[in-house]
Amino acid sequence: MLTAAQIGTIGEVHATEWLKAKGFSCTRNTKLPGATDIEANGNPTSLLVQVKTAVWPSLAASLTEEERKAIVARANRNGRQAWLARLQINNKGGLVGDIVWHKLN
């Protein structure tokens, strides 16, 4: 059984791999203020990404209003786009379906 921390980390890894395949360089677990799991730098676009992950068949949570406001404010201060990535994994950590991306600002 995966722990909540493992589920979150696995989701971040899947989202990071997706972004890297699209040409972004990524930093995970930035530990900076605001709800940000990944900073992704591309040319010319830079993103702040919050990742929400669930084990299938559960659905990944959405952001709370406070999380949404925090990531959007931080992205706006830094000239970046704020995004939410929602995904499902199986009990072994494999991606189930596609990552669903939502632009927040």
C-alpha atoms as a PDB file:
ATOM      1  CA  MET A   1       0.000   0.000   0.000  1.00  0.00           C
ATOM      2  CA  LEU A   2       1.402   3.389  -1.008  1.00  0.00           C
ATOM      3  CA  THR A   3       1.566   6.161   1.578  1.00  0.00           C
ATOM      4  CA  ALA A   4       0.185   9.640   0.868  1.00  0.00           C
ATOM      5  CA  ALA A   5       3.742  10.970   0.596  1.00  0.00           C
ATOM      6  CA  GLN A   6       4.685   8.249  -1.913  1.00  0.00           C
ATOM      7  CA  ILE A   7       1.555   8.938  -3.975  1.00  0.00           C
ATOM      8  CA  GLY A   8       2.418  12.641  -4.116  1.00  0.00           C
ATOM      9  CA  THR A   9       6.035  12.010  -5.078  1.00  0.00           C
ATOM     10  CA  ILE A  10       5.061   9.527  -7.795  1.00  0.00           C
ATOM     11  CA  GLY A  11       2.615  12.061  -9.248  1.00  0.00           C
ATOM     12  CA  GLU A  12       5.282  14.755  -9.282  1.00  0.00           C
ATOM     13  CA  VAL A  13       7.691  12.399 -11.059  1.00  0.00           C
ATOM     14  CA  HIS A  14       5.109  11.603 -13.766  1.00  0.00           C
ATOM     15  CA  ALA A  15       4.320  15.311 -14.275  1.00  0.00           C
ATOM     16  CA  THR A  16       8.029  16.186 -14.380  1.00  0.00           C
ATOM     17  CA  GLU A  17       8.714  13.482 -16.971  1.00  0.00           C
ATOM     18  CA  TRP A  18       5.832  14.803 -19.110  1.00  0.00           C
ATOM     19  CA  LEU A  19       7.172  18.369 -18.898  1.00  0.00           C
ATOM     20  CA  LYS A  20      10.735  17.280 -19.711  1.00  0.00           C
ATOM     21  CA  ALA A  21       9.443  15.428 -22.782  1.00  0.00           C
ATOM     22  CA  LYS A  22       7.958  18.784 -23.884  1.00  0.00           C
ATOM     23  CA  GLY A  23      11.351  20.499 -23.543  1.00  0.00           C
ATOM     24  CA  PHE A  24      11.109  22.024 -20.062  1.00  0.00           C
ATOM     25  CA  SER A  25      13.842  21.845 -17.450  1.00  0.00           C
ATOM     26  CA  CYS A  26      12.265  21.094 -14.079  1.00  0.00           C
ATOM     27  CA  THR A  27      12.905  21.465 -10.370  1.00  0.00           C
ATOM     28  CA  ARG A  28      10.687  19.503  -7.985  1.00  0.00           C
ATOM     29  CA  ASN A  29       9.837  20.204  -4.337  1.00  0.00           C
ATOM     30  CA  THR A  30      10.833  23.847  -4.461  1.00  0.00           C
ATOM     31  CA  LYS A  31       9.870  24.471  -0.785  1.00  0.00           C
ATOM     32  CA  LEU A  32       9.127  28.100  -1.606  1.00  0.00           C
ATOM     33  CA  PRO A  33       5.999  29.943  -0.376  1.00  0.00           C
ATOM     34  CA  GLY A  34       2.858  29.080  -2.302  1.00  0.00           C
ATOM     35  CA  ALA A  35       1.547  25.751  -3.509  1.00  0.00           C
ATOM     36  CA  THR A  36       4.235  24.712  -5.975  1.00  0.00           C
ATOM     37  CA  ASP A  37       5.463  21.179  -6.575  1.00  0.00           C
ATOM     38  CA  ILE A  38       7.367  21.839  -9.808  1.00  0.00           C
ATOM     39  CA  GLU A  39       9.080  24.824 -11.382  1.00  0.00           C
ATOM     40  CA  ALA A  40       9.385  24.238 -15.119  1.00  0.00           C
ATOM     41  CA  ASN A  41      11.476  26.502 -17.327  1.00  0.00           C
ATOM     42  CA  GLY A  42      11.010  26.546 -21.054  1.00  0.00           C
ATOM     43  CA  ASN A  43      11.628  28.944 -23.863  1.00  0.00           C
ATOM     44  CA  PRO A  44       9.808  31.322 -23.683  1.00  0.00           C
ATOM     45  CA  THR A  45       7.363  29.972 -21.065  1.00  0.00           C
ATOM     46  CA  SER A  46       8.058  29.240 -17.395  1.00  0.00           C
ATOM     47  CA  LEU A  47       5.540  27.424 -15.207  1.00  0.00           C
ATOM     48  CA  LEU A  48       4.724  26.839 -11.566  1.00  0.00           C
ATOM     49  CA  VAL A  49       2.856  23.547 -11.192  1.00  0.00           C
ATOM     50  CA  GLN A  50       0.857  22.077  -8.338  1.00  0.00           C
ATOM     51  CA  VAL A  51       0.324  18.315  -8.735  1.00  0.00           C
ATOM     52  CA  LYS A  52      -2.642  16.409  -7.311  1.00  0.00           C
ATOM     53  CA  THR A  53      -2.474  12.606  -7.512  1.00  0.00           C
ATOM     54  CA  ALA A  54      -4.882   9.815  -6.580  1.00  0.00           C
ATOM     55  CA  VAL A  55      -4.759   6.036  -6.745  1.00  0.00           C
ATOM     56  CA  TRP A  56      -7.229   4.730  -9.333  1.00  0.00           C
ATOM     57  CA  PRO A  57     -10.258   4.535  -9.188  1.00  0.00           C
ATOM     58  CA  SER A  58     -10.259   7.616  -6.929  1.00  0.00           C
ATOM     59  CA  LEU A  59     -10.090  11.013  -8.591  1.00  0.00           C
ATOM     60  CA  ALA A  60      -7.328  13.491  -7.828  1.00  0.00           C
ATOM     61  CA  ALA A  61      -8.415  16.382  -5.656  1.00  0.00           C
ATOM     62  CA  SER A  62      -8.716  19.883  -6.979  1.00  0.00           C
ATOM     63  CA  LEU A  63      -6.966  22.821  -5.384  1.00  0.00           C
ATOM     64  CA  THR A  64      -8.446  24.571  -2.393  1.00  0.00           C
ATOM     65  CA  GLU A  65      -9.194  28.232  -2.995  1.00  0.00           C
ATOM     66  CA  GLU A  66      -6.254  29.143  -0.751  1.00  0.00           C
ATOM     67  CA  GLU A  67      -3.869  26.910  -2.745  1.00  0.00           C
ATOM     68  CA  ARG A  68      -5.130  28.368  -6.031  1.00  0.00           C
ATOM     69  CA  LYS A  69      -4.687  31.956  -4.826  1.00  0.00           C
ATOM     70  CA  ALA A  70      -1.184  31.229  -3.483  1.00  0.00           C
ATOM     71  CA  ILE A  71       0.165  29.641  -6.663  1.00  0.00           C
ATOM     72  CA  VAL A  72      -1.430  32.264  -8.920  1.00  0.00           C
ATOM     73  CA  ALA A  73      -0.046  35.116  -6.792  1.00  0.00           C
ATOM     74  CA  ARG A  74       3.429  33.588  -6.783  1.00  0.00           C
ATOM     75  CA  ALA A  75       3.311  32.952 -10.535  1.00  0.00           C
ATOM     76  CA  ASN A  76       2.151  36.512 -11.235  1.00  0.00           C
ATOM     77  CA  ARG A  77       4.927  37.972  -9.041  1.00  0.00           C
ATOM     78  CA  ASN A  78       7.516  35.964 -10.972  1.00  0.00           C
ATOM     79  CA  GLY A  79       6.164  36.353 -14.516  1.00  0.00           C
ATOM     80  CA  ARG A  80       5.210  32.674 -14.788  1.00  0.00           C
ATOM     81  CA  GLN A  81       2.136  30.677 -15.652  1.00  0.00           C
ATOM     82  CA  ALA A  82       0.392  28.755 -12.855  1.00  0.00           C
ATOM     83  CA  TRP A  83      -0.854  25.251 -13.638  1.00  0.00           C
ATOM     84  CA  LEU A  84      -2.579  22.362 -11.895  1.00  0.00           C
ATOM     85  CA  ALA A  85      -1.731  18.810 -12.993  1.00  0.00           C
ATOM     86  CA  ARG A  86      -4.224  16.125 -11.900  1.00  0.00           C
ATOM     87  CA  LEU A  87      -3.502  12.443 -12.441  1.00  0.00           C
ATOM     88  CA  GLN A  88      -4.243   8.912 -11.345  1.00  0.00           C
ATOM     89  CA  ILE A  89      -1.800   6.107 -10.688  1.00  0.00           C
ATOM     90  CA  ASN A  90      -2.235   2.391 -10.087  1.00  0.00           C
ATOM     91  CA  ASN A  91      -1.206   0.681  -6.851  1.00  0.00           C
ATOM     92  CA  LYS A  92       2.308   0.131  -8.279  1.00  0.00           C
ATOM     93  CA  GLY A  93       2.774   3.794  -9.227  1.00  0.00           C
ATOM     94  CA  GLY A  94       2.099   3.501 -12.948  1.00  0.00           C
ATOM     95  CA  LEU A  95       0.245   6.330 -14.653  1.00  0.00           C
ATOM     96  CA  VAL A  96      -3.409   5.529 -15.412  1.00  0.00           C
ATOM     97  CA  GLY A  97      -4.747   7.532 -18.354  1.00  0.00           C
ATOM     98  CA  ASP A  98      -3.465  11.002 -19.153  1.00  0.00           C
ATOM     99  CA  ILE A  99      -2.388  13.877 -16.970  1.00  0.00           C
ATOM    100  CA  VAL A 100      -5.087  16.556 -16.962  1.00  0.00           C
ATOM    101  CA  TRP A 101      -3.650  20.081 -17.057  1.00  0.00           C
ATOM    102  CA  HIS A 102      -5.539  23.201 -15.928  1.00  0.00           C
ATOM    103  CA  LYS A 103      -4.129  26.701 -16.451  1.00  0.00           C
ATOM    104  CA  LEU A 104      -4.805  28.835 -13.367  1.00  0.00           C
ATOM    105  CA  ASN A 105      -3.809  32.335 -14.533  1.00  0.00           C
END
